[in-house]
Structure formats: C-alpha cells, structure tokens
C-alpha cells in the first residue's frame, strides 16, 4: 500500500507566509500614505480658503493696495495661517498685480497656497 502525503511542507508554508507578510506590509504602508495625503489635502484646502479671503478683501477694498509687501495672520479651521501679499505694478497702468502666499505657523510653516490676482487701480 503506497503512502500518500497530502499537505504542504514546512518550507512551502514559510515561503507562503513570507509572501503574505510582504503584501500585508505594502498595504499598511499604503494606508499610512493615504492618511498623510488626506491630512495634507485638508490643510491645503484651508490655506486656499485663506488666500481667497485675502484676495476678496483686496478686490473689494475701496483703496488700492500699496506697492510692496503686506501681511497678516488669520485663524481658519482652528489653525493660525500667515499670509503675505506682494503688490507690483504691471505694464498696464490701470492694473496692479498682487501675489498672495499663505503658510501655516509653527511646525507646518511651509507654503501651502499661492494665488495671483490683478486689481484695477480705480473702481
């Protein structure tokens, strides 16, 4: 009577576990990247809101912004945001160009949003 050996050898099981663990590790890393990316996307969206708010204030102000750099801080989404608005002349004397840059404060001080608008000198 022949002996029938069904099942897997120890070596086959170890190779299968190694392949499974590599796949599981890749999935854990992908999830970590996804969480970081989502967080950065949320911060970027808040920074864009601040940039647009500053742009609306500049566009709706009755006075023309002074040439050069101005700045300030705003609280948005529970975070403090630092913004700078640099006003420059254009080739057209009827317009000024305003570059708005927004960055976080503290640990996340990197630039998060940049917006450029053209504002009429006279309204």
N, C-alpha and C. Protein backbone atom coordinates (compact mmCIF):
# COMPACT_ATOMS: atom_id res chain seq x y z
N UNK A 1 0.83 -1.16 0.00
CA UNK A 1 0.00 0.00 0.00
C UNK A 1 0.89 1.24 0.00
N UNK A 2 0.71 2.09 -1.01
CA UNK A 2 1.56 3.28 -1.09
C UNK A 2 1.14 4.32 -0.04
N UNK A 3 2.14 5.05 0.42
CA UNK A 3 1.89 6.12 1.39
C UNK A 3 1.59 7.40 0.63
N UNK A 4 0.43 8.01 0.94
CA UNK A 4 0.03 9.25 0.29
C UNK A 4 0.31 10.38 1.25
N UNK A 5 1.05 11.38 0.79
CA UNK A 5 1.39 12.53 1.64
C UNK A 5 0.66 13.76 1.09
N UNK A 6 -0.42 14.08 1.71
CA UNK A 6 -1.15 15.28 1.34
C UNK A 6 -0.72 16.40 2.26
N UNK A 7 -0.82 17.63 1.77
CA UNK A 7 -0.48 18.77 2.61
C UNK A 7 0.76 19.48 2.09
N UNK A 8 1.26 20.41 2.90
CA UNK A 8 2.37 21.25 2.50
C UNK A 8 3.57 20.95 3.38
N UNK A 9 4.73 21.17 2.81
CA UNK A 9 5.94 21.03 3.61
C UNK A 9 6.16 22.31 4.40
N UNK A 10 7.03 22.22 5.39
CA UNK A 10 7.34 23.39 6.20
C UNK A 10 7.92 24.51 5.35
N UNK A 11 8.75 24.17 4.40
CA UNK A 11 9.35 25.18 3.52
C UNK A 11 8.30 25.90 2.69
N UNK A 12 7.32 25.16 2.17
CA UNK A 12 6.25 25.78 1.38
C UNK A 12 5.42 26.73 2.25
N UNK A 13 5.15 26.36 3.47
CA UNK A 13 4.39 27.22 4.37
C UNK A 13 5.17 28.49 4.69
N UNK A 14 6.48 28.38 4.92
CA UNK A 14 7.31 29.55 5.24
C UNK A 14 7.37 30.50 4.05
N UNK A 15 7.48 29.98 2.84
CA UNK A 15 7.50 30.83 1.66
C UNK A 15 6.16 31.54 1.49
N UNK A 16 5.06 30.83 1.70
CA UNK A 16 3.74 31.44 1.59
C UNK A 16 3.55 32.54 2.63
N UNK A 17 4.01 32.31 3.85
CA UNK A 17 3.90 33.33 4.90
C UNK A 17 4.77 34.55 4.58
N UNK A 18 5.93 34.34 4.00
CA UNK A 18 6.80 35.45 3.63
C UNK A 18 6.13 36.31 2.55
N UNK A 19 5.53 35.68 1.57
CA UNK A 19 4.84 36.42 0.51
C UNK A 19 3.65 37.18 1.09
N UNK A 20 2.87 36.54 1.95
CA UNK A 20 1.73 37.19 2.58
C UNK A 20 2.18 38.38 3.43
N UNK A 21 3.27 38.23 4.18
CA UNK A 21 3.72 39.32 5.04
C UNK A 21 4.21 40.51 4.21
N UNK A 22 4.83 40.28 3.08
CA UNK A 22 5.24 41.38 2.20
C UNK A 22 4.03 42.13 1.66
N UNK A 23 3.00 41.38 1.28
CA UNK A 23 1.79 42.01 0.77
C UNK A 23 1.09 42.80 1.89
N UNK A 24 1.04 42.26 3.09
CA UNK A 24 0.41 42.96 4.21
C UNK A 24 1.19 44.22 4.56
N UNK A 25 2.50 44.16 4.54
CA UNK A 25 3.32 45.33 4.83
C UNK A 25 3.09 46.42 3.79
N UNK A 26 2.97 46.04 2.54
CA UNK A 26 2.69 47.03 1.48
C UNK A 26 1.33 47.69 1.71
N UNK A 27 0.35 46.94 2.14
CA UNK A 27 -0.97 47.51 2.40
C UNK A 27 -0.94 48.47 3.59
N UNK A 28 -0.18 48.15 4.64
CA UNK A 28 -0.07 49.04 5.80
C UNK A 28 0.61 50.34 5.40
N UNK A 29 1.66 50.25 4.60
CA UNK A 29 2.34 51.46 4.13
C UNK A 29 1.42 52.31 3.25
N UNK A 30 0.64 51.67 2.41
CA UNK A 30 -0.28 52.39 1.55
C UNK A 30 -1.33 53.12 2.38
N UNK A 31 -1.81 52.50 3.44
CA UNK A 31 -2.80 53.14 4.29
C UNK A 31 -2.18 54.34 5.01
N UNK A 32 -0.95 54.21 5.48
CA UNK A 32 -0.27 55.34 6.12
C UNK A 32 -0.08 56.50 5.17
N UNK A 33 0.29 56.21 3.94
CA UNK A 33 0.45 57.25 2.93
C UNK A 33 -0.89 57.93 2.65
N UNK A 34 -1.96 57.14 2.60
CA UNK A 34 -3.28 57.69 2.33
C UNK A 34 -3.72 58.63 3.46
N UNK A 35 -3.46 58.27 4.70
CA UNK A 35 -3.83 59.13 5.83
C UNK A 35 -3.04 60.43 5.79
N UNK A 36 -1.73 60.36 5.52
CA UNK A 36 -0.91 61.58 5.42
C UNK A 36 -1.38 62.45 4.28
N UNK A 37 -1.68 61.86 3.16
CA UNK A 37 -2.12 62.61 2.00
C UNK A 37 -3.45 63.31 2.27
N UNK A 38 -4.35 62.65 2.94
CA UNK A 38 -5.64 63.24 3.28
C UNK A 38 -5.46 64.43 4.21
N UNK A 39 -4.58 64.29 5.16
CA UNK A 39 -4.30 65.39 6.10
C UNK A 39 -3.73 66.60 5.36
N UNK A 40 -2.78 66.35 4.47
CA UNK A 40 -2.17 67.44 3.71
C UNK A 40 -3.19 68.10 2.80
N UNK A 41 -4.09 67.33 2.24
CA UNK A 41 -5.12 67.87 1.36
C UNK A 41 -6.06 68.79 2.15
N UNK A 42 -6.41 68.40 3.36
CA UNK A 42 -7.26 69.24 4.20
C UNK A 42 -6.58 70.55 4.55
N UNK A 43 -5.29 70.50 4.90
CA UNK A 43 -4.55 71.72 5.21
C UNK A 43 -4.43 72.62 3.98
N UNK A 44 -4.21 72.02 2.84
CA UNK A 44 -4.10 72.79 1.61
C UNK A 44 -5.43 73.48 1.30
N UNK A 45 -6.54 72.81 1.52
CA UNK A 45 -7.84 73.42 1.27
C UNK A 45 -8.10 74.61 2.18
N UNK A 46 -7.70 74.49 3.46
CA UNK A 46 -7.86 75.62 4.38
C UNK A 46 -6.97 76.79 3.97
N UNK A 47 -5.75 76.48 3.52
CA UNK A 47 -4.85 77.54 3.08
C UNK A 47 -5.41 78.26 1.86
N UNK A 48 -6.03 77.52 0.94
CA UNK A 48 -6.64 78.14 -0.24
C UNK A 48 -7.81 79.03 0.15
N UNK A 49 -8.56 78.63 1.19
CA UNK A 49 -9.65 79.48 1.67
C UNK A 49 -9.11 80.81 2.20
N UNK A 50 -8.01 80.74 2.94
CA UNK A 50 -7.39 81.97 3.45
C UNK A 50 -6.93 82.84 2.29
N UNK A 51 -6.29 82.25 1.29
CA UNK A 51 -5.80 83.02 0.14
C UNK A 51 -6.97 83.69 -0.59
N UNK A 52 -8.06 82.97 -0.78
CA UNK A 52 -9.22 83.55 -1.46
C UNK A 52 -9.87 84.65 -0.62
N UNK A 53 -9.90 84.46 0.71
CA UNK A 53 -10.45 85.50 1.59
C UNK A 53 -9.63 86.78 1.50
N UNK A 54 -8.31 86.65 1.50
CA UNK A 54 -7.44 87.82 1.39
C UNK A 54 -7.65 88.49 0.02
N UNK A 55 -7.78 87.69 -1.03
CA UNK A 55 -8.00 88.23 -2.37
C UNK A 55 -9.31 89.01 -2.44
N UNK A 56 -10.36 88.48 -1.82
CA UNK A 56 -11.65 89.17 -1.83
C UNK A 56 -11.54 90.49 -1.08
N UNK A 57 -10.83 90.49 0.05
CA UNK A 57 -10.65 91.74 0.80
C UNK A 57 -9.90 92.78 -0.03
N UNK A 58 -8.87 92.35 -0.76
CA UNK A 58 -8.11 93.28 -1.59
C UNK A 58 -8.95 93.80 -2.74
N UNK A 59 -9.69 92.90 -3.39
CA UNK A 59 -10.51 93.31 -4.54
C UNK A 59 -11.68 94.19 -4.14
N UNK A 60 -12.23 93.99 -2.95
CA UNK A 60 -13.41 94.76 -2.56
C UNK A 60 -13.06 96.03 -1.77
N UNK A 61 -11.79 96.21 -1.45
CA UNK A 61 -11.39 97.41 -0.72
C UNK A 61 -11.50 98.63 -1.63
N UNK A 62 -12.00 99.75 -1.11
CA UNK A 62 -12.10 100.95 -1.96
C UNK A 62 -10.73 101.57 -2.27
N UNK A 63 -9.74 101.29 -1.45
CA UNK A 63 -8.41 101.87 -1.71
C UNK A 63 -7.51 100.83 -2.38
N UNK A 64 -6.63 101.31 -3.22
CA UNK A 64 -5.68 100.45 -3.93
C UNK A 64 -4.61 100.01 -2.94
N UNK A 65 -4.21 98.74 -2.95
CA UNK A 65 -3.16 98.32 -2.04
C UNK A 65 -1.84 99.03 -2.36
N UNK A 66 -1.07 99.32 -1.32
CA UNK A 66 0.21 99.99 -1.54
C UNK A 66 1.20 99.01 -2.15
N UNK A 67 2.10 99.55 -2.97
CA UNK A 67 3.12 98.70 -3.60
C UNK A 67 4.04 98.16 -2.52
N UNK A 68 4.47 96.93 -2.71
CA UNK A 68 5.35 96.29 -1.74
C UNK A 68 4.65 95.12 -1.08
N UNK A 69 5.15 94.77 0.09
CA UNK A 69 4.66 93.57 0.77
C UNK A 69 3.89 93.94 2.04
N UNK A 70 2.74 93.33 2.20
CA UNK A 70 1.97 93.43 3.43
C UNK A 70 1.68 92.02 3.89
N UNK A 71 1.25 91.89 5.11
CA UNK A 71 0.99 90.55 5.61
C UNK A 71 0.12 90.58 6.84
N UNK A 72 -0.21 89.41 7.30
CA UNK A 72 -1.01 89.28 8.49
C UNK A 72 -1.23 87.82 8.83
N UNK A 73 -2.03 87.61 9.86
CA UNK A 73 -2.38 86.26 10.28
C UNK A 73 -3.88 86.14 10.40
N UNK A 74 -4.38 84.96 10.10
CA UNK A 74 -5.81 84.69 10.22
C UNK A 74 -5.99 83.34 10.89
N UNK A 75 -7.09 83.20 11.58
CA UNK A 75 -7.48 81.93 12.17
C UNK A 75 -8.53 81.31 11.27
N UNK A 76 -8.26 80.11 10.78
CA UNK A 76 -9.19 79.43 9.90
C UNK A 76 -9.10 77.93 10.17
N UNK A 77 -10.23 77.32 10.43
CA UNK A 77 -10.23 75.88 10.69
C UNK A 77 -9.49 75.50 11.96
N UNK A 78 -9.46 76.40 12.93
CA UNK A 78 -8.75 76.13 14.18
C UNK A 78 -7.25 76.25 14.08
N UNK A 79 -6.75 76.74 12.97
CA UNK A 79 -5.31 76.89 12.78
C UNK A 79 -4.98 78.34 12.47
N UNK A 80 -3.79 78.76 12.86
CA UNK A 80 -3.31 80.09 12.50
C UNK A 80 -2.58 80.00 11.16
N UNK A 81 -2.89 80.94 10.29
CA UNK A 81 -2.29 80.99 8.96
C UNK A 81 -1.62 82.35 8.78
N UNK A 82 -0.41 82.34 8.27
CA UNK A 82 0.31 83.58 7.97
C UNK A 82 0.22 83.81 6.46
N UNK A 83 -0.14 85.04 6.08
CA UNK A 83 -0.24 85.36 4.66
C UNK A 83 0.58 86.61 4.37
N UNK A 84 1.09 86.66 3.14
CA UNK A 84 1.76 87.85 2.64
C UNK A 84 1.18 88.18 1.28
N UNK A 85 1.01 89.47 1.03
CA UNK A 85 0.50 89.95 -0.26
C UNK A 85 1.53 90.93 -0.82
N UNK A 86 2.11 90.59 -1.95
CA UNK A 86 3.11 91.44 -2.59
C UNK A 86 2.46 92.12 -3.79
N UNK A 87 2.41 93.45 -3.75
CA UNK A 87 1.77 94.22 -4.82
C UNK A 87 2.83 94.82 -5.72
N UNK A 88 2.66 94.62 -7.04
CA UNK A 88 3.61 95.12 -8.04
C UNK A 88 2.85 95.84 -9.15
N UNK A 89 3.54 96.73 -9.80
CA UNK A 89 2.97 97.39 -10.98
C UNK A 89 2.99 96.42 -12.15
N UNK A 90 2.12 96.70 -13.10
CA UNK A 90 2.10 95.93 -14.34
C UNK A 90 2.42 96.87 -15.50
N UNK A 91 2.51 96.33 -16.69
CA UNK A 91 2.74 97.16 -17.87
C UNK A 91 1.53 98.06 -18.14
N UNK A 92 0.38 97.63 -17.70
CA UNK A 92 -0.85 98.41 -17.84
C UNK A 92 -1.03 99.25 -16.58
N UNK A 93 -1.02 100.56 -16.71
CA UNK A 93 -1.11 101.46 -15.55
C UNK A 93 -2.46 101.36 -14.85
N UNK A 94 -3.43 100.72 -15.46
CA UNK A 94 -4.75 100.59 -14.84
C UNK A 94 -4.84 99.41 -13.88
N UNK A 95 -3.81 98.56 -13.84
CA UNK A 95 -3.84 97.35 -13.02
C UNK A 95 -2.60 97.24 -12.13
N UNK A 96 -2.77 96.62 -10.97
CA UNK A 96 -1.65 96.18 -10.14
C UNK A 96 -1.78 94.67 -9.97
N UNK A 97 -0.66 94.02 -9.81
CA UNK A 97 -0.61 92.57 -9.64
C UNK A 97 -0.34 92.27 -8.18
N UNK A 98 -1.12 91.41 -7.58
CA UNK A 98 -0.97 91.06 -6.17
C UNK A 98 -0.73 89.55 -6.06
N UNK A 99 0.44 89.17 -5.53
CA UNK A 99 0.77 87.77 -5.27
C UNK A 99 0.48 87.49 -3.80
N UNK A 100 -0.37 86.52 -3.53
CA UNK A 100 -0.74 86.16 -2.16
C UNK A 100 -0.17 84.78 -1.87
N UNK A 101 0.58 84.69 -0.78
CA UNK A 101 1.14 83.41 -0.34
C UNK A 101 0.67 83.14 1.08
N UNK A 102 0.25 81.91 1.32
CA UNK A 102 -0.26 81.51 2.62
C UNK A 102 0.55 80.34 3.12
N UNK A 103 0.94 80.40 4.39
CA UNK A 103 1.66 79.30 5.00
C UNK A 103 1.13 79.08 6.40
N UNK A 104 1.37 77.89 6.92
CA UNK A 104 0.97 77.59 8.28
C UNK A 104 1.94 78.23 9.25
N UNK A 105 1.64 78.12 10.52
CA UNK A 105 2.54 78.61 11.55
C UNK A 105 3.02 77.43 12.37
N UNK A 106 4.10 77.61 13.07
CA UNK A 106 4.63 76.54 13.91
C UNK A 106 5.32 75.48 13.09
N UNK A 107 4.96 74.23 13.36
CA UNK A 107 5.62 73.09 12.72
C UNK A 107 5.34 73.07 11.22
N UNK A 108 4.11 73.37 10.82
CA UNK A 108 3.72 73.30 9.40
C UNK A 108 3.89 74.67 8.75
N UNK A 109 5.10 75.22 8.78
CA UNK A 109 5.32 76.58 8.28
C UNK A 109 5.61 76.63 6.78
N UNK A 110 5.54 75.52 6.10
CA UNK A 110 5.81 75.51 4.67
C UNK A 110 4.68 76.20 3.91
N UNK A 111 5.01 76.73 2.74
CA UNK A 111 3.99 77.40 1.92
C UNK A 111 2.94 76.38 1.51
N UNK A 112 1.69 76.74 1.69
CA UNK A 112 0.58 75.84 1.38
C UNK A 112 -0.24 76.29 0.18
N UNK A 113 -0.32 77.60 -0.05
CA UNK A 113 -1.14 78.08 -1.17
C UNK A 113 -0.53 79.36 -1.72
N UNK A 114 -0.69 79.56 -3.01
CA UNK A 114 -0.24 80.78 -3.68
C UNK A 114 -1.30 81.17 -4.70
N UNK A 115 -1.65 82.45 -4.70
CA UNK A 115 -2.70 82.96 -5.58
C UNK A 115 -2.26 84.31 -6.11
N UNK A 116 -2.46 84.55 -7.40
CA UNK A 116 -2.11 85.83 -8.01
C UNK A 116 -3.37 86.44 -8.60
N UNK A 117 -3.59 87.73 -8.28
CA UNK A 117 -4.76 88.43 -8.81
C UNK A 117 -4.31 89.74 -9.43
N UNK A 118 -5.11 90.24 -10.34
CA UNK A 118 -4.90 91.57 -10.92
C UNK A 118 -6.04 92.44 -10.42
N UNK A 119 -5.67 93.59 -9.87
CA UNK A 119 -6.68 94.50 -9.31
C UNK A 119 -6.65 95.81 -10.05
N UNK A 120 -7.83 96.33 -10.42
CA UNK A 120 -7.87 97.64 -11.07
C UNK A 120 -7.43 98.73 -10.09
N UNK A 121 -6.75 99.74 -10.61
CA UNK A 121 -6.31 100.85 -9.78
C UNK A 121 -7.50 101.70 -9.37
N UNK A 122 -8.44 101.89 -10.28
CA UNK A 122 -9.65 102.67 -9.99
C UNK A 122 -10.85 101.76 -10.09
N UNK A 123 -11.79 101.94 -9.16
CA UNK A 123 -13.01 101.11 -9.20
C UNK A 123 -14.21 101.96 -9.44
